[in-house]
Full PDB file with SEQRES, HELIX, SHEET, SSBOND, CRYST1, ORIGX, SCALE, CONECT and MASTER records, all heavy atoms in Angstrom:
SEQRES   1 A   40  GLY CYS LEU VAL LYS LEU VAL LYS LYS LYS GLY ARG ASN          
SEQRES   2 A   40  HIS ILE ILE THR CYS PRO GLU CYS ARG GLN GLU VAL LYS          
SEQRES   3 A   40  ILE THR ASN GLY ASP VAL GLY LYS LEU GLN SER ASN PHE          
SEQRES   4 A   40  TRP                                                          
HELIX    1 AA1 CYS A    2  LEU A    6  1                                   5    
HELIX    2 AA2 THR A   28  GLY A   30  5                                   3    
HELIX    3 AA3 VAL A   32  LYS A   34  5                                   3    
SHEET    1 AA1 3 LYS A   8  LYS A  10  0                                        
SHEET    2 AA1 3 ASN A  13  THR A  17 -1                                        
SHEET    3 AA1 3 GLU A  24  LYS A  26 -1                                        
CRYST1    1.000    1.000    1.000  90.00  90.00  90.00 P 1           1          
ORIGX1      1.000000  0.000000  0.000000        0.00000                         
ORIGX2      0.000000  1.000000  0.000000        0.00000                         
ORIGX3      0.000000  0.000000  1.000000        0.00000                         
SCALE1      1.000000  0.000000  0.000000        0.00000                         
SCALE2      0.000000  1.000000  0.000000        0.00000                         
SCALE3      0.000000  0.000000  1.000000        0.00000                         
ATOM      1  N   GLY A   1      10.074   1.228   2.271  1.00  0.00           N  
ATOM      2  CA  GLY A   1      10.650   0.863   0.985  1.00  0.00           C  
ATOM      3  C   GLY A   1      10.061  -0.419   0.419  1.00  0.00           C  
ATOM      4  O   GLY A   1       9.852  -0.543  -0.787  1.00  0.00           O  
ATOM      5  N   CYS A   2       9.778  -1.388   1.305  1.00  0.00           N  
ATOM      6  CA  CYS A   2       9.183  -2.655   0.856  1.00  0.00           C  
ATOM      7  C   CYS A   2       7.769  -2.430   0.341  1.00  0.00           C  
ATOM      8  O   CYS A   2       7.352  -3.043  -0.647  1.00  0.00           O  
ATOM      9  CB  CYS A   2       9.176  -3.672   2.001  1.00  0.00           C  
ATOM     10  SG  CYS A   2      10.827  -4.222   2.517  1.00  0.00           S  
ATOM     11  N   LEU A   3       7.023  -1.549   1.012  1.00  0.00           N  
ATOM     12  CA  LEU A   3       5.655  -1.261   0.586  1.00  0.00           C  
ATOM     13  C   LEU A   3       5.629  -0.541  -0.758  1.00  0.00           C  
ATOM     14  O   LEU A   3       4.728  -0.766  -1.572  1.00  0.00           O  
ATOM     15  CB  LEU A   3       4.942  -0.416   1.644  1.00  0.00           C  
ATOM     16  CG  LEU A   3       4.598  -1.141   2.952  1.00  0.00           C  
ATOM     17  CD1 LEU A   3       3.998  -0.171   3.955  1.00  0.00           C  
ATOM     18  CD2 LEU A   3       3.630  -2.293   2.700  1.00  0.00           C  
ATOM     19  N   VAL A   4       6.624   0.321  -0.982  1.00  0.00           N  
ATOM     20  CA  VAL A   4       6.700   1.015  -2.272  1.00  0.00           C  
ATOM     21  C   VAL A   4       6.804   0.003  -3.409  1.00  0.00           C  
ATOM     22  O   VAL A   4       6.178   0.153  -4.468  1.00  0.00           O  
ATOM     23  CB  VAL A   4       7.913   1.971  -2.286  1.00  0.00           C  
ATOM     24  CG1 VAL A   4       8.154   2.508  -3.701  1.00  0.00           C  
ATOM     25  CG2 VAL A   4       7.681   3.131  -1.327  1.00  0.00           C  
ATOM     26  N   LYS A   5       7.560  -1.065  -3.184  1.00  0.00           N  
ATOM     27  CA  LYS A   5       7.734  -2.100  -4.213  1.00  0.00           C  
ATOM     28  C   LYS A   5       6.468  -2.927  -4.422  1.00  0.00           C  
ATOM     29  O   LYS A   5       6.306  -3.574  -5.457  1.00  0.00           O  
ATOM     30  CB  LYS A   5       8.896  -3.014  -3.844  1.00  0.00           C  
ATOM     31  CG  LYS A   5      10.238  -2.304  -3.781  1.00  0.00           C  
ATOM     32  CD  LYS A   5      11.337  -3.256  -3.318  1.00  0.00           C  
ATOM     33  CE  LYS A   5      12.668  -2.542  -3.194  1.00  0.00           C  
ATOM     34  NZ  LYS A   5      13.733  -3.454  -2.697  1.00  0.00           N  
ATOM     35  N   LEU A   6       5.584  -2.946  -3.408  1.00  0.00           N  
ATOM     36  CA  LEU A   6       4.376  -3.755  -3.485  1.00  0.00           C  
ATOM     37  C   LEU A   6       3.189  -3.018  -4.105  1.00  0.00           C  
ATOM     38  O   LEU A   6       2.153  -3.630  -4.374  1.00  0.00           O  
ATOM     39  CB  LEU A   6       3.970  -4.241  -2.084  1.00  0.00           C  
ATOM     40  CG  LEU A   6       4.930  -5.220  -1.396  1.00  0.00           C  
ATOM     41  CD1 LEU A   6       4.441  -5.529   0.016  1.00  0.00           C  
ATOM     42  CD2 LEU A   6       5.053  -6.506  -2.197  1.00  0.00           C  
ATOM     43  N   VAL A   7       3.326  -1.712  -4.321  1.00  0.00           N  
ATOM     44  CA  VAL A   7       2.225  -0.922  -4.885  1.00  0.00           C  
ATOM     45  C   VAL A   7       1.975  -1.344  -6.331  1.00  0.00           C  
ATOM     46  O   VAL A   7       2.896  -1.431  -7.140  1.00  0.00           O  
ATOM     47  CB  VAL A   7       2.535   0.585  -4.821  1.00  0.00           C  
ATOM     48  CG1 VAL A   7       1.429   1.385  -5.507  1.00  0.00           C  
ATOM     49  CG2 VAL A   7       2.674   1.038  -3.377  1.00  0.00           C  
ATOM     50  N   LYS A   8       0.700  -1.636  -6.633  1.00  0.00           N  
ATOM     51  CA  LYS A   8       0.313  -2.011  -7.986  1.00  0.00           C  
ATOM     52  C   LYS A   8      -0.865  -1.151  -8.434  1.00  0.00           C  
ATOM     53  O   LYS A   8      -1.648  -0.676  -7.607  1.00  0.00           O  
ATOM     54  CB  LYS A   8      -0.068  -3.491  -8.052  1.00  0.00           C  
ATOM     55  CG  LYS A   8       1.093  -4.432  -7.811  1.00  0.00           C  
ATOM     56  CD  LYS A   8       0.653  -5.884  -7.931  1.00  0.00           C  
ATOM     57  CE  LYS A   8       1.823  -6.830  -7.702  1.00  0.00           C  
ATOM     58  NZ  LYS A   8       1.416  -8.258  -7.813  1.00  0.00           N  
ATOM     59  N   LYS A   9      -0.991  -0.998  -9.726  1.00  0.00           N  
ATOM     60  CA  LYS A   9      -2.098  -0.222 -10.293  1.00  0.00           C  
ATOM     61  C   LYS A   9      -3.250  -1.170 -10.583  1.00  0.00           C  
ATOM     62  O   LYS A   9      -3.087  -2.207 -11.227  1.00  0.00           O  
ATOM     63  CB  LYS A   9      -1.637   0.462 -11.569  1.00  0.00           C  
ATOM     64  CG  LYS A   9      -2.522   1.604 -12.016  1.00  0.00           C  
ATOM     65  CD  LYS A   9      -2.257   2.867 -11.216  1.00  0.00           C  
ATOM     66  CE  LYS A   9      -3.165   4.010 -11.670  1.00  0.00           C  
ATOM     67  NZ  LYS A   9      -2.870   4.447 -13.040  1.00  0.00           N  
ATOM     68  N   LYS A  10      -4.444  -0.848 -10.085  1.00  0.00           N  
ATOM     69  CA  LYS A  10      -5.641  -1.638 -10.336  1.00  0.00           C  
ATOM     70  C   LYS A  10      -6.731  -0.678 -10.756  1.00  0.00           C  
ATOM     71  O   LYS A  10      -7.362  -0.023  -9.928  1.00  0.00           O  
ATOM     72  CB  LYS A  10      -6.054  -2.407  -9.083  1.00  0.00           C  
ATOM     73  CG  LYS A  10      -7.154  -3.421  -9.320  1.00  0.00           C  
ATOM     74  CD  LYS A  10      -7.424  -4.243  -8.071  1.00  0.00           C  
ATOM     75  CE  LYS A  10      -8.478  -5.294  -8.327  1.00  0.00           C  
ATOM     76  NZ  LYS A  10      -8.763  -6.125  -7.117  1.00  0.00           N  
ATOM     77  N   GLY A  11      -6.949  -0.625 -12.061  1.00  0.00           N  
ATOM     78  CA  GLY A  11      -7.888   0.376 -12.572  1.00  0.00           C  
ATOM     79  C   GLY A  11      -7.318   1.766 -12.359  1.00  0.00           C  
ATOM     80  O   GLY A  11      -6.191   2.067 -12.752  1.00  0.00           O  
ATOM     81  N   ARG A  12      -8.095   2.599 -11.685  1.00  0.00           N  
ATOM     82  CA  ARG A  12      -7.630   3.954 -11.383  1.00  0.00           C  
ATOM     83  C   ARG A  12      -6.998   4.052 -10.007  1.00  0.00           C  
ATOM     84  O   ARG A  12      -6.541   5.124  -9.611  1.00  0.00           O  
ATOM     85  CB  ARG A  12      -8.806   4.927 -11.462  1.00  0.00           C  
ATOM     86  CG  ARG A  12      -9.423   5.051 -12.861  1.00  0.00           C  
ATOM     87  CD  ARG A  12     -10.541   6.078 -12.860  1.00  0.00           C  
ATOM     88  NE  ARG A  12     -11.118   6.247 -14.198  1.00  0.00           N  
ATOM     89  CZ  ARG A  12     -12.109   7.079 -14.469  1.00  0.00           C  
ATOM     90  NH1 ARG A  12     -12.635   7.821 -13.490  1.00  0.00           N  
ATOM     91  NH2 ARG A  12     -12.566   7.184 -15.707  1.00  0.00           N  
ATOM     92  N   ASN A  13      -6.992   2.966  -9.288  1.00  0.00           N  
ATOM     93  CA  ASN A  13      -6.496   2.980  -7.913  1.00  0.00           C  
ATOM     94  C   ASN A  13      -5.126   2.338  -7.804  1.00  0.00           C  
ATOM     95  O   ASN A  13      -4.734   1.496  -8.625  1.00  0.00           O  
ATOM     96  CB  ASN A  13      -7.469   2.232  -6.985  1.00  0.00           C  
ATOM     97  CG  ASN A  13      -8.842   2.870  -6.965  1.00  0.00           C  
ATOM     98  OD1 ASN A  13      -8.963   4.090  -6.926  1.00  0.00           O  
ATOM     99  ND2 ASN A  13      -9.879   2.046  -6.996  1.00  0.00           N  
ATOM    100  N   HIS A  14      -4.415   2.755  -6.779  1.00  0.00           N  
ATOM    101  CA  HIS A  14      -3.162   2.105  -6.404  1.00  0.00           C  
ATOM    102  C   HIS A  14      -3.456   1.227  -5.185  1.00  0.00           C  
ATOM    103  O   HIS A  14      -4.066   1.692  -4.222  1.00  0.00           O  
ATOM    104  CB  HIS A  14      -2.083   3.131  -6.049  1.00  0.00           C  
ATOM    105  CG  HIS A  14      -1.630   3.948  -7.207  1.00  0.00           C  
ATOM    106  ND1 HIS A  14      -2.313   5.079  -7.642  1.00  0.00           N  
ATOM    107  CD2 HIS A  14      -0.569   3.801  -8.056  1.00  0.00           C  
ATOM    108  CE1 HIS A  14      -1.688   5.583  -8.681  1.00  0.00           C  
ATOM    109  NE2 HIS A  14      -0.622   4.839  -8.957  1.00  0.00           N  
ATOM    110  N   ILE A  15      -3.047  -0.022  -5.239  1.00  0.00           N  
ATOM    111  CA  ILE A  15      -3.335  -0.933  -4.134  1.00  0.00           C  
ATOM    112  C   ILE A  15      -2.070  -1.668  -3.695  1.00  0.00           C  
ATOM    113  O   ILE A  15      -1.090  -1.777  -4.443  1.00  0.00           O  
ATOM    114  CB  ILE A  15      -4.414  -1.972  -4.507  1.00  0.00           C  
ATOM    115  CG1 ILE A  15      -3.906  -2.891  -5.606  1.00  0.00           C  
ATOM    116  CG2 ILE A  15      -5.706  -1.309  -4.910  1.00  0.00           C  
ATOM    117  CD1 ILE A  15      -4.695  -4.170  -5.754  1.00  0.00           C  
ATOM    118  N   ILE A  16      -2.135  -2.160  -2.461  1.00  0.00           N  
ATOM    119  CA  ILE A  16      -1.116  -3.067  -1.927  1.00  0.00           C  
ATOM    120  C   ILE A  16      -1.856  -4.275  -1.366  1.00  0.00           C  
ATOM    121  O   ILE A  16      -2.823  -4.116  -0.622  1.00  0.00           O  
ATOM    122  CB  ILE A  16      -0.283  -2.401  -0.814  1.00  0.00           C  
ATOM    123  CG1 ILE A  16       0.650  -1.341  -1.402  1.00  0.00           C  
ATOM    124  CG2 ILE A  16       0.548  -3.454  -0.053  1.00  0.00           C  
ATOM    125  CD1 ILE A  16       1.465  -0.597  -0.355  1.00  0.00           C  
ATOM    126  N   THR A  17      -1.428  -5.456  -1.733  1.00  0.00           N  
ATOM    127  CA  THR A  17      -1.979  -6.681  -1.148  1.00  0.00           C  
ATOM    128  C   THR A  17      -1.077  -7.099   0.004  1.00  0.00           C  
ATOM    129  O   THR A  17       0.116  -7.369  -0.203  1.00  0.00           O  
ATOM    130  CB  THR A  17      -2.060  -7.812  -2.189  1.00  0.00           C  
ATOM    131  OG1 THR A  17      -2.882  -7.390  -3.282  1.00  0.00           O  
ATOM    132  CG2 THR A  17      -2.667  -9.070  -1.564  1.00  0.00           C  
ATOM    133  N   CYS A  18      -1.636  -7.108   1.211  1.00  0.00           N  
ATOM    134  CA  CYS A  18      -0.842  -7.437   2.400  1.00  0.00           C  
ATOM    135  C   CYS A  18      -0.238  -8.837   2.237  1.00  0.00           C  
ATOM    136  O   CYS A  18      -0.962  -9.804   1.993  1.00  0.00           O  
ATOM    137  CB  CYS A  18      -1.711  -7.384   3.654  1.00  0.00           C  
ATOM    138  SG  CYS A  18      -0.824  -7.882   5.162  1.00  0.00           S  
ATOM    139  N   PRO A  19       1.079  -8.966   2.372  1.00  0.00           N  
ATOM    140  CA  PRO A  19       1.728 -10.273   2.212  1.00  0.00           C  
ATOM    141  C   PRO A  19       1.274 -11.310   3.243  1.00  0.00           C  
ATOM    142  O   PRO A  19       1.407 -12.511   3.000  1.00  0.00           O  
ATOM    143  CB  PRO A  19       3.220  -9.950   2.397  1.00  0.00           C  
ATOM    144  CG  PRO A  19       3.343  -8.496   2.087  1.00  0.00           C  
ATOM    145  CD  PRO A  19       2.065  -7.890   2.579  1.00  0.00           C  
ATOM    146  N   GLU A  20       0.745 -10.847   4.391  1.00  0.00           N  
ATOM    147  CA  GLU A  20       0.381 -11.789   5.453  1.00  0.00           C  
ATOM    148  C   GLU A  20      -1.082 -12.207   5.395  1.00  0.00           C  
ATOM    149  O   GLU A  20      -1.399 -13.402   5.443  1.00  0.00           O  
ATOM    150  CB  GLU A  20       0.708 -11.191   6.823  1.00  0.00           C  
ATOM    151  CG  GLU A  20       2.202 -11.013   7.050  1.00  0.00           C  
ATOM    152  CD  GLU A  20       2.518 -10.469   8.416  1.00  0.00           C  
ATOM    153  OE1 GLU A  20       2.207 -11.141   9.419  1.00  0.00           O  
ATOM    154  OE2 GLU A  20       3.080  -9.354   8.489  1.00  0.00           O  
ATOM    155  N   CYS A  21      -2.014 -11.257   5.322  1.00  0.00           N  
ATOM    156  CA  CYS A  21      -3.441 -11.608   5.353  1.00  0.00           C  
ATOM    157  C   CYS A  21      -4.113 -11.472   3.983  1.00  0.00           C  
ATOM    158  O   CYS A  21      -5.310 -11.750   3.858  1.00  0.00           O  
ATOM    159  CB  CYS A  21      -4.180 -10.748   6.380  1.00  0.00           C  
ATOM    160  SG  CYS A  21      -4.257  -8.978   5.976  1.00  0.00           S  
ATOM    161  N   ARG A  22      -3.379 -11.022   2.950  1.00  0.00           N  
ATOM    162  CA  ARG A  22      -3.859 -10.906   1.579  1.00  0.00           C  
ATOM    163  C   ARG A  22      -4.986  -9.889   1.411  1.00  0.00           C  
ATOM    164  O   ARG A  22      -5.711  -9.914   0.423  1.00  0.00           O  
ATOM    165  CB  ARG A  22      -4.334 -12.265   1.032  1.00  0.00           C  
ATOM    166  CG  ARG A  22      -3.366 -13.405   1.225  1.00  0.00           C  
ATOM    167  CD  ARG A  22      -1.968 -13.093   0.750  1.00  0.00           C  
ATOM    168  NE  ARG A  22      -1.936 -12.797  -0.677  1.00  0.00           N  
ATOM    169  CZ  ARG A  22      -0.875 -12.278  -1.305  1.00  0.00           C  
ATOM    170  NH1 ARG A  22       0.219 -11.979  -0.613  1.00  0.00           N  
ATOM    171  NH2 ARG A  22      -0.912 -12.042  -2.596  1.00  0.00           N  
ATOM    172  N   GLN A  23      -5.153  -8.996   2.358  1.00  0.00           N  
ATOM    173  CA  GLN A  23      -6.182  -7.966   2.232  1.00  0.00           C  
ATOM    174  C   GLN A  23      -5.672  -6.856   1.327  1.00  0.00           C  
ATOM    175  O   GLN A  23      -4.524  -6.417   1.441  1.00  0.00           O  
ATOM    176  CB  GLN A  23      -6.543  -7.394   3.597  1.00  0.00           C  
ATOM    177  CG  GLN A  23      -7.610  -6.307   3.529  1.00  0.00           C  
ATOM    178  CD  GLN A  23      -8.072  -5.870   4.910  1.00  0.00           C  
ATOM    179  OE1 GLN A  23      -8.074  -6.646   5.839  1.00  0.00           O  
ATOM    180  NE2 GLN A  23      -8.444  -4.612   5.039  1.00  0.00           N  
ATOM    181  N   GLU A  24      -6.538  -6.406   0.406  1.00  0.00           N  
ATOM    182  CA  GLU A  24      -6.155  -5.331  -0.505  1.00  0.00           C  
ATOM    183  C   GLU A  24      -6.356  -3.975   0.167  1.00  0.00           C  
ATOM    184  O   GLU A  24      -7.393  -3.727   0.791  1.00  0.00           O  
ATOM    185  CB  GLU A  24      -6.962  -5.401  -1.797  1.00  0.00           C  
ATOM    186  CG  GLU A  24      -6.542  -6.529  -2.724  1.00  0.00           C  
ATOM    187  CD  GLU A  24      -7.186  -6.414  -4.095  1.00  0.00           C  
ATOM    188  OE1 GLU A  24      -8.036  -5.522  -4.276  1.00  0.00           O  
ATOM    189  OE2 GLU A  24      -6.832  -7.220  -4.976  1.00  0.00           O  
ATOM    190  N   VAL A  25      -5.368  -3.103   0.027  1.00  0.00           N  
ATOM    191  CA  VAL A  25      -5.392  -1.783   0.658  1.00  0.00           C  
ATOM    192  C   VAL A  25      -5.216  -0.720  -0.428  1.00  0.00           C  
ATOM    193  O   VAL A  25      -4.301  -0.809  -1.254  1.00  0.00           O  
ATOM    194  CB  VAL A  25      -4.261  -1.639   1.702  1.00  0.00           C  
ATOM    195  CG1 VAL A  25      -4.285  -0.249   2.315  1.00  0.00           C  
ATOM    196  CG2 VAL A  25      -4.414  -2.704   2.784  1.00  0.00           C  
ATOM    197  N   LYS A  26      -6.124   0.263  -0.462  1.00  0.00           N  
ATOM    198  CA  LYS A  26      -5.991   1.365  -1.407  1.00  0.00           C  
ATOM    199  C   LYS A  26      -4.963   2.364  -0.877  1.00  0.00           C  
ATOM    200  O   LYS A  26      -5.016   2.774   0.280  1.00  0.00           O  
ATOM    201  CB  LYS A  26      -7.335   2.052  -1.619  1.00  0.00           C  
ATOM    202  CG  LYS A  26      -8.332   1.234  -2.430  1.00  0.00           C  
ATOM    203  CD  LYS A  26      -9.596   2.023  -2.687  1.00  0.00           C  
ATOM    204  CE  LYS A  26     -10.601   1.216  -3.501  1.00  0.00           C  
ATOM    205  NZ  LYS A  26     -11.840   1.975  -3.753  1.00  0.00           N  
ATOM    206  N   ILE A  27      -4.050   2.780  -1.727  1.00  0.00           N  
ATOM    207  CA  ILE A  27      -3.013   3.753  -1.360  1.00  0.00           C  
ATOM    208  C   ILE A  27      -3.287   5.033  -2.131  1.00  0.00           C  
ATOM    209  O   ILE A  27      -3.240   5.049  -3.374  1.00  0.00           O  
ATOM    210  CB  ILE A  27      -1.607   3.221  -1.698  1.00  0.00           C  
ATOM    211  CG1 ILE A  27      -1.368   1.857  -1.044  1.00  0.00           C  
ATOM    212  CG2 ILE A  27      -0.547   4.213  -1.254  1.00  0.00           C  
ATOM    213  CD1 ILE A  27      -1.442   1.874   0.466  1.00  0.00           C  
ATOM    214  N   THR A  28      -3.620   6.094  -1.406  1.00  0.00           N  
ATOM    215  CA  THR A  28      -3.961   7.371  -2.030  1.00  0.00           C  
ATOM    216  C   THR A  28      -2.818   7.876  -2.890  1.00  0.00           C  
ATOM    217  O   THR A  28      -1.697   8.086  -2.398  1.00  0.00           O  
ATOM    218  CB  THR A  28      -4.307   8.420  -0.956  1.00  0.00           C  
ATOM    219  OG1 THR A  28      -5.333   7.905  -0.111  1.00  0.00           O  
ATOM    220  CG2 THR A  28      -4.785   9.710  -1.604  1.00  0.00           C  
ATOM    221  N   ASN A  29      -3.101   8.013  -4.188  1.00  0.00           N  
ATOM    222  CA  ASN A  29      -2.100   8.495  -5.156  1.00  0.00           C  
ATOM    223  C   ASN A  29      -0.832   7.648  -5.156  1.00  0.00           C  
ATOM    224  O   ASN A  29       0.220   8.100  -5.631  1.00  0.00           O  
ATOM    225  CB  ASN A  29      -1.747   9.964  -4.883  1.00  0.00           C  
ATOM    226  CG  ASN A  29      -2.952  10.880  -5.005  1.00  0.00           C  
ATOM    227  OD1 ASN A  29      -3.816  10.658  -5.864  1.00  0.00           O  
ATOM    228  ND2 ASN A  29      -3.032  11.890  -4.149  1.00  0.00           N  
ATOM    229  N   GLY A  30      -0.912   6.447  -4.614  1.00  0.00           N  
ATOM    230  CA  GLY A  30       0.250   5.567  -4.583  1.00  0.00           C  
ATOM    231  C   GLY A  30       1.328   6.016  -3.631  1.00  0.00           C  
ATOM    232  O   GLY A  30       2.456   5.525  -3.668  1.00  0.00           O  
ATOM    233  N   ASP A  31       0.989   6.984  -2.738  1.00  0.00           N  
ATOM    234  CA  ASP A  31       1.977   7.543  -1.801  1.00  0.00           C  
ATOM    235  C   ASP A  31       1.975   6.745  -0.502  1.00  0.00           C  
ATOM    236  O   ASP A  31       1.120   6.942   0.367  1.00  0.00           O  
ATOM    237  CB  ASP A  31       1.653   9.014  -1.532  1.00  0.00           C  
ATOM    238  CG  ASP A  31       2.737   9.686  -0.676  1.00  0.00           C  
ATOM    239  OD1 ASP A  31       3.732   9.023  -0.345  1.00  0.00           O  
ATOM    240  OD2 ASP A  31       2.554  10.879  -0.346  1.00  0.00           O  
ATOM    241  N   VAL A  32       2.942   5.846  -0.347  1.00  0.00           N  
ATOM    242  CA  VAL A  32       3.061   5.025   0.857  1.00  0.00           C  
ATOM    243  C   VAL A  32       3.384   5.880   2.081  1.00  0.00           C  
ATOM    244  O   VAL A  32       3.050   5.532   3.205  1.00  0.00           O  
ATOM    245  CB  VAL A  32       4.148   3.939   0.641  1.00  0.00           C  
ATOM    246  CG1 VAL A  32       4.433   3.195   1.929  1.00  0.00           C  
ATOM    247  CG2 VAL A  32       3.710   2.968  -0.434  1.00  0.00           C  
ATOM    248  N   GLY A  33       4.007   7.022   1.860  1.00  0.00           N  
ATOM    249  CA  GLY A  33       4.389   7.887   2.968  1.00  0.00           C  
ATOM    250  C   GLY A  33       3.212   8.399   3.777  1.00  0.00           C  
ATOM    251  O   GLY A  33       3.370   8.808   4.924  1.00  0.00           O  
ATOM    252  N   LYS A  34       1.985   8.373   3.197  1.00  0.00           N  
ATOM    253  CA  LYS A  34       0.806   8.848   3.918  1.00  0.00           C  
ATOM    254  C   LYS A  34       0.257   7.825   4.896  1.00  0.00           C  
ATOM    255  O   LYS A  34      -0.638   8.130   5.679  1.00  0.00           O  
ATOM    256  CB  LYS A  34      -0.287   9.240   2.919  1.00  0.00           C  
ATOM    257  CG  LYS A  34       0.071  10.462   2.082  1.00  0.00           C  
ATOM    258  CD  LYS A  34      -1.054  10.860   1.139  1.00  0.00           C  
ATOM    259  CE  LYS A  34      -0.690  12.099   0.333  1.00  0.00           C  
ATOM    260  NZ  LYS A  34      -1.771  12.502  -0.580  1.00  0.00           N  
ATOM    261  N   LEU A  35       0.783   6.617   4.853  1.00  0.00           N  
ATOM    262  CA  LEU A  35       0.356   5.594   5.825  1.00  0.00           C  
ATOM    263  C   LEU A  35       0.882   5.946   7.207  1.00  0.00           C  
ATOM    264  O   LEU A  35       1.897   6.624   7.354  1.00  0.00           O  
ATOM    265  CB  LEU A  35       0.885   4.209   5.413  1.00  0.00           C  
ATOM    266  CG  LEU A  35       0.289   3.592   4.147  1.00  0.00           C  
ATOM    267  CD1 LEU A  35       1.084   2.354   3.747  1.00  0.00           C  
ATOM    268  CD2 LEU A  35      -1.175   3.232   4.358  1.00  0.00           C  
ATOM    269  N   GLN A  36       0.187   5.465   8.234  1.00  0.00           N  
ATOM    270  CA  GLN A  36       0.609   5.721   9.604  1.00  0.00           C  
ATOM    271  C   GLN A  36       1.951   5.049   9.884  1.00  0.00           C  
ATOM    272  O   GLN A  36       2.214   3.935   9.431  1.00  0.00           O  
ATOM    273  CB  GLN A  36      -0.426   5.166  10.583  1.00  0.00           C  
ATOM    274  CG  GLN A  36      -1.746   5.899  10.591  1.00  0.00           C  
ATOM    275  CD  GLN A  36      -1.696   7.173  11.419  1.00  0.00           C  
ATOM    276  OE1 GLN A  36      -0.682   7.480  12.030  1.00  0.00           O  
ATOM    277  NE2 GLN A  36      -2.790   7.903  11.449  1.00  0.00           N  
ATOM    278  N   SER A  37       2.792   5.731  10.637  1.00  0.00           N  
ATOM    279  CA  SER A  37       4.054   5.128  11.075  1.00  0.00           C  
ATOM    280  C   SER A  37       3.803   4.283  12.316  1.00  0.00           C  
ATOM    281  O   SER A  37       2.945   4.604  13.139  1.00  0.00           O  
ATOM    282  CB  SER A  37       5.090   6.215  11.406  1.00  0.00           C  
ATOM    283  OG  SER A  37       5.423   6.954  10.247  1.00  0.00           O  
ATOM    284  N   ASN A  38       4.541   3.208  12.436  1.00  0.00           N  
ATOM    285  CA  ASN A  38       4.425   2.356  13.621  1.00  0.00           C  
ATOM    286  C   ASN A  38       5.304   2.956  14.707  1.00  0.00           C  
ATOM    287  O   ASN A  38       6.500   2.655  14.811  1.00  0.00           O  
ATOM    288  CB  ASN A  38       4.852   0.918  13.304  1.00  0.00           C  
ATOM    289  CG  ASN A  38       4.496  -0.036  14.421  1.00  0.00           C  
ATOM    290  OD1 ASN A  38       4.557   0.319  15.592  1.00  0.00           O  
ATOM    291  ND2 ASN A  38       4.130  -1.252  14.061  1.00  0.00           N  
ATOM    292  N   PHE A  39       4.702   3.827  15.536  1.00  0.00           N  
ATOM    293  CA  PHE A  39       5.482   4.577  16.524  1.00  0.00           C  
ATOM    294  C   PHE A  39       6.097   3.690  17.589  1.00  0.00           C  
ATOM    295  O   PHE A  39       7.205   3.922  18.050  1.00  0.00           O  
ATOM    296  CB  PHE A  39       4.620   5.672  17.176  1.00  0.00           C  
ATOM    297  CG  PHE A  39       3.382   5.163  17.873  1.00  0.00           C  
ATOM    298  CD1 PHE A  39       3.434   4.762  19.181  1.00  0.00           C  
ATOM    299  CD2 PHE A  39       2.168   5.098  17.194  1.00  0.00           C  
ATOM    300  CE1 PHE A  39       2.293   4.304  19.827  1.00  0.00           C  
ATOM    301  CE2 PHE A  39       1.031   4.640  17.826  1.00  0.00           C  
ATOM    302  CZ  PHE A  39       1.092   4.233  19.151  1.00  0.00           C  
ATOM    303  N   TRP A  40       5.363   2.617  18.007  1.00  0.00           N  
ATOM    304  CA  TRP A  40       5.927   1.815  19.090  1.00  0.00           C  
ATOM    305  C   TRP A  40       7.081   0.935  18.604  1.00  0.00           C  
ATOM    306  O   TRP A  40       7.998   0.629  19.370  1.00  0.00           O  
ATOM    307  CB  TRP A  40       4.847   0.998  19.778  1.00  0.00           C  
ATOM    308  CG  TRP A  40       4.186  -0.080  19.019  1.00  0.00           C  
ATOM    309  CD1 TRP A  40       3.015  -0.013  18.343  1.00  0.00           C  
ATOM    310  CD2 TRP A  40       4.650  -1.430  18.851  1.00  0.00           C  
ATOM    311  NE1 TRP A  40       2.721  -1.223  17.754  1.00  0.00           N  
ATOM    312  CE2 TRP A  40       3.695  -2.111  18.056  1.00  0.00           C  
ATOM    313  CE3 TRP A  40       5.769  -2.137  19.293  1.00  0.00           C  
ATOM    314  CZ2 TRP A  40       3.834  -3.436  17.693  1.00  0.00           C  
ATOM    315  CZ3 TRP A  40       5.898  -3.468  18.933  1.00  0.00           C  
ATOM    316  CH2 TRP A  40       4.949  -4.102  18.145  1.00  0.00           C  
TER     317      TRP A  40                                                      
MASTER        0    0    0    3    3    0    0    6  316    1    0    4          
END                                                                             
């Protein structure tokens, strides 16, 4: 849910800027659900 709020539109891409290391991450179609779950 927190990542959904962080998704921003940049050009034609959806990105999230990591709050900790500030690295930009492309999110396919803005769907956060496609990211890997932290199983451990």
